[in-house]
Amino acid sequence: MYVFDNAADETRTRFDVLEAIYDEGTIRHIEARGIHEGWTCLEVGGGAGSVAAWLAQRVGPSGRVLATDIDTRYLDRRDVTNLEVRRHNIAIDPLPLAAYDLVHARLVLMHLPERTATLKRMSAALKPGGWLVVEDFEAGPREGATSPTLTALRHVMELDGVDLQYGRKLSCQLRAIGLDDVDTEGRTFLWRGGSRGAAMIQANCQQLRAAILNTGLVTTDQFNEDVARMASPTFAMRSPILWAAWGRRG
């Protein structure tokens, strides 16, 4: 199960931050794959739908986009003619074969125990010559190393099955499933107190507060101090590296 339940109050903050920080790079990678009008695209784990909506605009009325998620409450708010929204669990639910020119997923696979099988399913959904673009974090222990709350947050996520190192494995994974023209790029930022990135970390900590405190790695006072400090001008942390990897089906 996804560790960050989309029913939580903090979800909107997380989606807004992810869109603001990462959509520009995601779009750049997709543009570089040659997307044009008439393409058929699949957006896996569509979240609030910013990338799906951009895809729909980019492929035009002659193209179509399917956006899937296990929880479509935010996707359902998008009213775009050539965008279909579908409740779908990419880990277990089937996809049509050889149906898409582009399949994209951001911050999805690291949460799934069935990562390799899911990649194969996404690859098989590509038309010959179609592109798979996947993006995931590599979050090392140095990010927030001085914060017991962030150490506990990592622990909670790992206990839930999240692979916080998966991003750096992506290019090898794409080669292993037989894709051609595989390449990769990583992006990282310095998140200062009060920034969008720091606000997202605050929201993540607040959402998982009970689980974080239950680890015994942080006291309630430490938790409150750490979360408050994320809004301070003196706070700074390196963001996780967001690795993007892409490959083409032969």
C-alpha atoms as a PDB file:
ATOM      1  CA  MET A   1       0.000   0.000   0.000  1.00  0.00           C
ATOM      2  CA  TYR A   2       1.176   3.532  -0.802  1.00  0.00           C
ATOM      3  CA  VAL A   3       2.706   4.942   2.379  1.00  0.00           C
ATOM      4  CA  PHE A   4       1.241   8.429   1.737  1.00  0.00           C
ATOM      5  CA  ASP A   5      -2.541   7.978   1.646  1.00  0.00           C
ATOM      6  CA  ASN A   6      -4.068  10.429  -0.845  1.00  0.00           C
ATOM      7  CA  ALA A   7      -7.048  10.899   1.484  1.00  0.00           C
ATOM      8  CA  ALA A   8      -4.839  12.807   3.936  1.00  0.00           C
ATOM      9  CA  ASP A   9      -4.993  16.588   4.320  1.00  0.00           C
ATOM     10  CA  GLU A  10      -1.309  16.911   3.389  1.00  0.00           C
ATOM     11  CA  THR A  11      -1.771  15.377  -0.066  1.00  0.00           C
ATOM     12  CA  ARG A  12      -2.548  18.643  -1.849  1.00  0.00           C
ATOM     13  CA  THR A  13       0.658  20.225  -0.511  1.00  0.00           C
ATOM     14  CA  ARG A  14       2.722  17.250  -1.704  1.00  0.00           C
ATOM     15  CA  PHE A  15       1.182  17.277  -5.185  1.00  0.00           C
ATOM     16  CA  ASP A  16       1.572  21.042  -5.555  1.00  0.00           C
ATOM     17  CA  VAL A  17       5.250  20.868  -4.598  1.00  0.00           C
ATOM     18  CA  LEU A  18       6.041  17.921  -6.839  1.00  0.00           C
ATOM     19  CA  GLU A  19       4.430  19.699  -9.788  1.00  0.00           C
ATOM     20  CA  ALA A  20       6.212  22.987  -9.105  1.00  0.00           C
ATOM     21  CA  ILE A  21       9.646  21.432  -8.660  1.00  0.00           C
ATOM     22  CA  TYR A  22       9.662  18.509 -11.067  1.00  0.00           C
ATOM     23  CA  ASP A  23       7.183  19.032 -13.924  1.00  0.00           C
ATOM     24  CA  GLU A  24       9.576  21.196 -15.931  1.00  0.00           C
ATOM     25  CA  GLY A  25      12.221  18.457 -16.019  1.00  0.00           C
ATOM     26  CA  THR A  26       9.668  15.728 -16.689  1.00  0.00           C
ATOM     27  CA  ILE A  27       8.298  17.653 -19.655  1.00  0.00           C
ATOM     28  CA  ARG A  28      11.813  18.244 -20.970  1.00  0.00           C
ATOM     29  CA  HIS A  29      12.549  14.509 -20.936  1.00  0.00           C
ATOM     30  CA  ILE A  30       9.280  13.671 -22.689  1.00  0.00           C
ATOM     31  CA  GLU A  31       9.791  16.388 -25.303  1.00  0.00           C
ATOM     32  CA  ALA A  32      13.238  14.932 -26.009  1.00  0.00           C
ATOM     33  CA  ARG A  33      11.630  11.603 -26.853  1.00  0.00           C
ATOM     34  CA  GLY A  34       9.911  13.276 -29.818  1.00  0.00           C
ATOM     35  CA  ILE A  35       6.307  13.477 -28.621  1.00  0.00           C
ATOM     36  CA  HIS A  36       3.987  15.036 -31.175  1.00  0.00           C
ATOM     37  CA  GLU A  37       0.331  15.344 -32.121  1.00  0.00           C
ATOM     38  CA  GLY A  38      -1.511  12.070 -32.487  1.00  0.00           C
ATOM     39  CA  TRP A  39       0.487  10.086 -29.932  1.00  0.00           C
ATOM     40  CA  THR A  40      -1.243   7.742 -27.523  1.00  0.00           C
ATOM     41  CA  CYS A  41       0.157   8.067 -23.994  1.00  0.00           C
ATOM     42  CA  LEU A  42      -0.207   6.336 -20.635  1.00  0.00           C
ATOM     43  CA  GLU A  43       0.467   8.242 -17.406  1.00  0.00           C
ATOM     44  CA  VAL A  44       0.870   5.757 -14.531  1.00  0.00           C
ATOM     45  CA  GLY A  45       0.210   7.003 -11.004  1.00  0.00           C
ATOM     46  CA  GLY A  46      -1.151  10.283 -12.312  1.00  0.00           C
ATOM     47  CA  GLY A  47      -1.539  11.977  -8.915  1.00  0.00           C
ATOM     48  CA  ALA A  48      -3.171  15.362  -9.388  1.00  0.00           C
ATOM     49  CA  GLY A  49      -2.843  15.124 -13.165  1.00  0.00           C
ATOM     50  CA  SER A  50      -0.535  17.986 -14.132  1.00  0.00           C
ATOM     51  CA  VAL A  51       1.636  15.814 -16.397  1.00  0.00           C
ATOM     52  CA  ALA A  52      -1.392  14.003 -17.809  1.00  0.00           C
ATOM     53  CA  ALA A  53      -3.056  17.319 -18.669  1.00  0.00           C
ATOM     54  CA  TRP A  54       0.135  18.557 -20.354  1.00  0.00           C
ATOM     55  CA  LEU A  55       0.369  15.315 -22.356  1.00  0.00           C
ATOM     56  CA  ALA A  56      -3.223  15.709 -23.499  1.00  0.00           C
ATOM     57  CA  GLN A  57      -2.557  19.243 -24.667  1.00  0.00           C
ATOM     58  CA  ARG A  58       0.667  18.181 -26.407  1.00  0.00           C
ATOM     59  CA  VAL A  59      -0.797  15.268 -28.389  1.00  0.00           C
ATOM     60  CA  GLY A  60      -3.788  17.347 -29.453  1.00  0.00           C
ATOM     61  CA  PRO A  61      -7.287  16.253 -30.418  1.00  0.00           C
ATOM     62  CA  SER A  62      -5.962  13.473 -32.657  1.00  0.00           C
ATOM     63  CA  GLY A  63      -4.088  11.907 -29.736  1.00  0.00           C
ATOM     64  CA  ARG A  64      -5.274  10.462 -26.453  1.00  0.00           C
ATOM     65  CA  VAL A  65      -3.985  10.055 -22.918  1.00  0.00           C
ATOM     66  CA  LEU A  66      -4.954   7.528 -20.269  1.00  0.00           C
ATOM     67  CA  ALA A  67      -4.094   8.518 -16.694  1.00  0.00           C
ATOM     68  CA  THR A  68      -4.311   5.824 -14.029  1.00  0.00           C
ATOM     69  CA  ASP A  69      -4.005   5.735 -10.249  1.00  0.00           C
ATOM     70  CA  ILE A  70      -5.166   3.620  -7.339  1.00  0.00           C
ATOM     71  CA  ASP A  71      -6.958   6.736  -6.083  1.00  0.00           C
ATOM     72  CA  THR A  72      -8.312   9.047  -8.772  1.00  0.00           C
ATOM     73  CA  ARG A  73      -9.930  11.725  -6.588  1.00  0.00           C
ATOM     74  CA  TYR A  74      -7.555  14.419  -7.882  1.00  0.00           C
ATOM     75  CA  LEU A  75      -7.367  13.160 -11.448  1.00  0.00           C
ATOM     76  CA  ASP A  76     -11.154  13.188 -11.672  1.00  0.00           C
ATOM     77  CA  ARG A  77     -11.105  16.984 -11.335  1.00  0.00           C
ATOM     78  CA  ARG A  78      -9.368  17.328 -14.697  1.00  0.00           C
ATOM     79  CA  ASP A  79     -11.868  18.096 -17.446  1.00  0.00           C
ATOM     80  CA  VAL A  80      -9.885  17.469 -20.626  1.00  0.00           C
ATOM     81  CA  THR A  81     -11.540  16.055 -23.737  1.00  0.00           C
ATOM     82  CA  ASN A  82      -8.790  13.657 -24.817  1.00  0.00           C
ATOM     83  CA  LEU A  83      -7.815  12.585 -21.288  1.00  0.00           C
ATOM     84  CA  GLU A  84      -9.330   9.412 -19.842  1.00  0.00           C
ATOM     85  CA  VAL A  85      -8.988   8.718 -16.117  1.00  0.00           C
ATOM     86  CA  ARG A  86      -9.109   5.163 -14.816  1.00  0.00           C
ATOM     87  CA  ARG A  87      -8.771   3.616 -11.375  1.00  0.00           C
ATOM     88  CA  HIS A  88      -6.048   1.022 -11.860  1.00  0.00           C
ATOM     89  CA  ASN A  89      -3.376  -0.756  -9.809  1.00  0.00           C
ATOM     90  CA  ILE A  90      -0.323  -0.957 -12.054  1.00  0.00           C
ATOM     91  CA  ALA A  91       1.203  -3.674  -9.853  1.00  0.00           C
ATOM     92  CA  ILE A  92      -1.542  -6.224 -10.562  1.00  0.00           C
ATOM     93  CA  ASP A  93      -4.021  -4.956 -13.149  1.00  0.00           C
ATOM     94  CA  PRO A  94      -3.402  -5.748 -16.838  1.00  0.00           C
ATOM     95  CA  LEU A  95      -2.555  -3.252 -19.551  1.00  0.00           C
ATOM     96  CA  PRO A  96      -3.238  -3.571 -23.287  1.00  0.00           C
ATOM     97  CA  LEU A  97      -0.288  -4.829 -25.316  1.00  0.00           C
ATOM     98  CA  ALA A  98       1.543  -2.620 -27.842  1.00  0.00           C
ATOM     99  CA  ALA A  99      -0.942   0.226 -27.369  1.00  0.00           C
ATOM    100  CA  TYR A 100       1.076   3.334 -26.450  1.00  0.00           C
ATOM    101  CA  ASP A 101       3.698   5.584 -28.006  1.00  0.00           C
ATOM    102  CA  LEU A 102       4.737   6.750 -24.533  1.00  0.00           C
ATOM    103  CA  VAL A 103       4.394   5.351 -21.019  1.00  0.00           C
ATOM    104  CA  HIS A 104       5.467   7.571 -18.117  1.00  0.00           C
ATOM    105  CA  ALA A 105       5.567   7.103 -14.339  1.00  0.00           C
ATOM    106  CA  ARG A 106       7.037   9.420 -11.699  1.00  0.00           C
ATOM    107  CA  LEU A 107       7.625   8.367  -8.081  1.00  0.00           C
ATOM    108  CA  VAL A 108       5.586   5.198  -8.484  1.00  0.00           C
ATOM    109  CA  LEU A 109       7.872   2.186  -8.815  1.00  0.00           C
ATOM    110  CA  MET A 110       9.894   2.858  -5.666  1.00  0.00           C
ATOM    111  CA  HIS A 111       6.707   2.206  -3.675  1.00  0.00           C
ATOM    112  CA  LEU A 112       5.916  -1.155  -5.295  1.00  0.00           C
ATOM    113  CA  PRO A 113       7.318  -4.541  -4.264  1.00  0.00           C
ATOM    114  CA  GLU A 114       6.489  -5.815  -7.776  1.00  0.00           C
ATOM    115  CA  ARG A 115       8.864  -3.343  -9.440  1.00  0.00           C
ATOM    116  CA  THR A 116      10.401  -5.582 -12.089  1.00  0.00           C
ATOM    117  CA  ALA A 117       7.098  -7.158 -13.097  1.00  0.00           C
ATOM    118  CA  THR A 118       5.541  -3.694 -13.283  1.00  0.00           C
ATOM    119  CA  LEU A 119       8.327  -2.395 -15.533  1.00  0.00           C
ATOM    120  CA  LYS A 120       7.852  -5.375 -17.832  1.00  0.00           C
ATOM    121  CA  ARG A 121       4.102  -4.748 -17.963  1.00  0.00           C
ATOM    122  CA  MET A 122       4.667  -1.094 -18.842  1.00  0.00           C
ATOM    123  CA  SER A 123       7.215  -2.014 -21.492  1.00  0.00           C
ATOM    124  CA  ALA A 124       4.885  -4.564 -23.063  1.00  0.00           C
ATOM    125  CA  ALA A 125       2.227  -1.841 -23.338  1.00  0.00           C
ATOM    126  CA  LEU A 126       4.493   0.141 -25.694  1.00  0.00           C
ATOM    127  CA  LYS A 127       4.096   0.069 -29.436  1.00  0.00           C
ATOM    128  CA  PRO A 128       7.284  -0.910 -31.324  1.00  0.00           C
ATOM    129  CA  GLY A 129       9.462   2.194 -31.180  1.00  0.00           C
ATOM    130  CA  GLY A 130       7.539   3.568 -28.198  1.00  0.00           C
ATOM    131  CA  TRP A 131       9.255   5.161 -25.202  1.00  0.00           C
ATOM    132  CA  LEU A 132       9.156   4.313 -21.518  1.00  0.00           C
ATOM    133  CA  VAL A 133      10.133   7.208 -19.223  1.00  0.00           C
ATOM    134  CA  VAL A 134      10.338   6.521 -15.484  1.00  0.00           C
ATOM    135  CA  GLU A 135      11.437   8.751 -12.619  1.00  0.00           C
ATOM    136  CA  ASP A 136      12.181   7.811  -9.014  1.00  0.00           C
ATOM    137  CA  PHE A 137      14.095   9.116  -6.026  1.00  0.00           C
ATOM    138  CA  GLU A 138      17.449   8.072  -4.676  1.00  0.00           C
ATOM    139  CA  ALA A 139      17.309   9.259  -1.059  1.00  0.00           C
ATOM    140  CA  GLY A 140      20.542   8.609   0.805  1.00  0.00           C
ATOM    141  CA  PRO A 141      21.110   8.950   4.560  1.00  0.00           C
ATOM    142  CA  ARG A 142      22.853  12.307   4.078  1.00  0.00           C
ATOM    143  CA  GLU A 143      19.551  14.044   3.346  1.00  0.00           C
ATOM    144  CA  GLY A 144      18.642  15.500   6.732  1.00  0.00           C
ATOM    145  CA  ALA A 145      21.272  13.400   8.494  1.00  0.00           C
ATOM    146  CA  THR A 146      21.268  15.684  11.546  1.00  0.00           C
ATOM    147  CA  SER A 147      17.501  15.375  12.011  1.00  0.00           C
ATOM    148  CA  PRO A 148      16.208  12.412  14.043  1.00  0.00           C
ATOM    149  CA  THR A 149      12.760  13.028  12.558  1.00  0.00           C
ATOM    150  CA  LEU A 150      14.015  12.612   8.979  1.00  0.00           C
ATOM    151  CA  THR A 151      15.962   9.506  10.016  1.00  0.00           C
ATOM    152  CA  ALA A 152      12.740   8.092  11.465  1.00  0.00           C
ATOM    153  CA  LEU A 153      10.804   9.081   8.318  1.00  0.00           C
ATOM    154  CA  ARG A 154      13.231   7.072   6.194  1.00  0.00           C
ATOM    155  CA  HIS A 155      12.832   4.139   8.571  1.00  0.00           C
ATOM    156  CA  VAL A 156       9.027   4.246   8.331  1.00  0.00           C
ATOM    157  CA  MET A 157       9.131   4.318   4.539  1.00  0.00           C
ATOM    158  CA  GLU A 158      11.590   1.437   4.322  1.00  0.00           C
ATOM    159  CA  LEU A 159       9.485  -0.639   6.715  1.00  0.00           C
ATOM    160  CA  ASP A 160       6.565  -0.051   4.359  1.00  0.00           C
ATOM    161  CA  GLY A 161       8.591  -1.513   1.500  1.00  0.00           C
ATOM    162  CA  VAL A 162       9.693   1.696  -0.215  1.00  0.00           C
ATOM    163  CA  ASP A 163      13.041   1.325  -1.984  1.00  0.00           C
ATOM    164  CA  LEU A 164      14.680   4.687  -1.334  1.00  0.00           C
ATOM    165  CA  GLN A 165      17.601   3.764  -3.598  1.00  0.00           C
ATOM    166  CA  TYR A 166      15.516   2.677  -6.578  1.00  0.00           C
ATOM    167  CA  GLY A 167      16.120   5.765  -8.699  1.00  0.00           C
ATOM    168  CA  ARG A 168      19.786   4.967  -9.268  1.00  0.00           C
ATOM    169  CA  LYS A 169      18.854   1.452 -10.419  1.00  0.00           C
ATOM    170  CA  LEU A 170      16.476   2.544 -13.154  1.00  0.00           C
ATOM    171  CA  SER A 171      18.803   2.544 -16.147  1.00  0.00           C
ATOM    172  CA  CYS A 172      20.057  -0.954 -15.341  1.00  0.00           C
ATOM    173  CA  GLN A 173      16.471  -2.120 -14.906  1.00  0.00           C
ATOM    174  CA  LEU A 174      15.441  -0.749 -18.297  1.00  0.00           C
ATOM    175  CA  ARG A 175      18.350  -2.486 -19.989  1.00  0.00           C
ATOM    176  CA  ALA A 176      17.551  -5.711 -18.160  1.00  0.00           C
ATOM    177  CA  ILE A 177      14.008  -5.792 -19.568  1.00  0.00           C
ATOM    178  CA  GLY A 178      15.367  -5.358 -23.091  1.00  0.00           C
ATOM    179  CA  LEU A 179      14.750  -1.710 -23.967  1.00  0.00           C
ATOM    180  CA  ASP A 180      17.008   0.084 -26.438  1.00  0.00           C
ATOM    181  CA  ASP A 181      18.612   3.539 -26.344  1.00  0.00           C
ATOM    182  CA  VAL A 182      18.548   3.622 -22.547  1.00  0.00           C
ATOM    183  CA  ASP A 183      19.898   6.706 -20.824  1.00  0.00           C
ATOM    184  CA  THR A 184      19.429   8.540 -17.536  1.00  0.00           C
ATOM    185  CA  GLU A 185      19.760  11.876 -15.758  1.00  0.00           C
ATOM    186  CA  GLY A 186      19.639  12.880 -12.095  1.00  0.00           C
ATOM    187  CA  ARG A 187      18.434  16.156 -10.576  1.00  0.00           C
ATOM    188  CA  THR A 188      18.911  17.425  -7.043  1.00  0.00           C
ATOM    189  CA  PHE A 189      18.323  20.724  -5.257  1.00  0.00           C
ATOM    190  CA  LEU A 190      19.142  22.510  -2.027  1.00  0.00           C
ATOM    191  CA  TRP A 191      15.922  22.932  -0.076  1.00  0.00           C
ATOM    192  CA  ARG A 192      16.076  25.821   2.391  1.00  0.00           C
ATOM    193  CA  GLY A 193      13.715  26.509   5.262  1.00  0.00           C
ATOM    194  CA  GLY A 194      10.357  27.807   4.066  1.00  0.00           C
ATOM    195  CA  SER A 195      10.929  26.611   0.480  1.00  0.00           C
ATOM    196  CA  ARG A 196       8.479  24.419  -1.419  1.00  0.00           C
ATOM    197  CA  GLY A 197      10.679  21.395  -0.881  1.00  0.00           C
ATOM    198  CA  ALA A 198      10.937  21.977   2.862  1.00  0.00           C
ATOM    199  CA  ALA A 199       7.159  22.456   3.004  1.00  0.00           C
ATOM    200  CA  MET A 200       6.670  19.069   1.362  1.00  0.00           C
ATOM    201  CA  ILE A 201       8.987  17.368   3.861  1.00  0.00           C
ATOM    202  CA  GLN A 202       7.050  19.052   6.665  1.00  0.00           C
ATOM    203  CA  ALA A 203       3.785  17.756   5.237  1.00  0.00           C
ATOM    204  CA  ASN A 204       5.187  14.228   4.841  1.00  0.00           C
ATOM    205  CA  CYS A 205       6.380  14.212   8.440  1.00  0.00           C
ATOM    206  CA  GLN A 206       3.043  15.498   9.712  1.00  0.00           C
ATOM    207  CA  GLN A 207       1.135  12.896   7.725  1.00  0.00           C
ATOM    208  CA  LEU A 208       3.261  10.063   9.149  1.00  0.00           C
ATOM    209  CA  ARG A 209       3.627  11.611  12.621  1.00  0.00           C
ATOM    210  CA  ALA A 210       2.195   8.631  14.528  1.00  0.00           C
ATOM    211  CA  ALA A 211       4.335   6.094  12.657  1.00  0.00           C
ATOM    212  CA  ILE A 212       7.451   8.244  13.078  1.00  0.00           C
ATOM    213  CA  LEU A 213       6.957   8.546  16.840  1.00  0.00           C
ATOM    214  CA  ASN A 214       6.222   4.826  17.094  1.00  0.00           C
ATOM    215  CA  THR A 215       9.715   4.014  15.794  1.00  0.00           C
ATOM    216  CA  GLY A 216      11.212   5.184  19.088  1.00  0.00           C
ATOM    217  CA  LEU A 217      13.905   7.014  17.121  1.00  0.00           C
ATOM    218  CA  VAL A 218      12.546  10.453  17.945  1.00  0.00           C
ATOM    219  CA  THR A 219      10.705  11.999  20.888  1.00  0.00           C
ATOM    220  CA  THR A 220       7.631  14.188  20.560  1.00  0.00           C
ATOM    221  CA  ASP A 221       9.686  17.259  21.479  1.00  0.00           C
ATOM    222  CA  GLN A 222      12.350  16.412  18.895  1.00  0.00           C
ATOM    223  CA  PHE A 223       9.683  15.861  16.259  1.00  0.00           C
ATOM    224  CA  ASN A 224       8.025  19.205  16.944  1.00  0.00           C
ATOM    225  CA  GLU A 225      11.374  21.019  16.942  1.00  0.00           C
ATOM    226  CA  ASP A 226      12.513  19.389  13.708  1.00  0.00           C
ATOM    227  CA  VAL A 227       9.272  20.116  11.859  1.00  0.00           C
ATOM    228  CA  ALA A 228       9.246  23.737  13.050  1.00  0.00           C
ATOM    229  CA  ARG A 229      12.881  24.178  12.016  1.00  0.00           C
ATOM    230  CA  MET A 230      11.977  23.291   8.418  1.00  0.00           C
ATOM    231  CA  ALA A 231      10.349  26.706   8.170  1.00  0.00           C
ATOM    232  CA  SER A 232      13.423  28.515   9.542  1.00  0.00           C
ATOM    233  CA  PRO A 233      15.822  30.457   7.280  1.00  0.00           C
ATOM    234  CA  THR A 234      18.694  28.546   8.911  1.00  0.00           C
ATOM    235  CA  PHE A 235      17.397  25.153   7.729  1.00  0.00           C
ATOM    236  CA  ALA A 236      18.849  23.559   4.592  1.00  0.00           C
ATOM    237  CA  MET A 237      18.929  20.026   3.219  1.00  0.00           C
ATOM    238  CA  ARG A 238      19.858  18.395  -0.044  1.00  0.00           C
ATOM    239  CA  SER A 239      16.832  17.033  -1.820  1.00  0.00           C
ATOM    240  CA  PRO A 240      16.711  13.400  -2.877  1.00  0.00           C
ATOM    241  CA  ILE A 241      18.089  12.846  -6.360  1.00  0.00           C
ATOM    242  CA  LEU A 242      15.269  12.412  -8.858  1.00  0.00           C
ATOM    243  CA  TRP A 243      16.599  10.033 -11.485  1.00  0.00           C
ATOM    244  CA  ALA A 244      14.889   9.955 -14.864  1.00  0.00           C
ATOM    245  CA  ALA A 245      15.573   6.994 -17.118  1.00  0.00           C
ATOM    246  CA  TRP A 246      14.207   6.245 -20.547  1.00  0.00           C
ATOM    247  CA  GLY A 247      14.331   3.467 -23.091  1.00  0.00           C
ATOM    248  CA  ARG A 248      12.719   2.566 -26.406  1.00  0.00           C
ATOM    249  CA  ARG A 249      10.973  -0.646 -27.311  1.00  0.00           C
ATOM    250  CA  GLY A 250      12.563  -2.212 -30.375  1.00  0.00           C
END
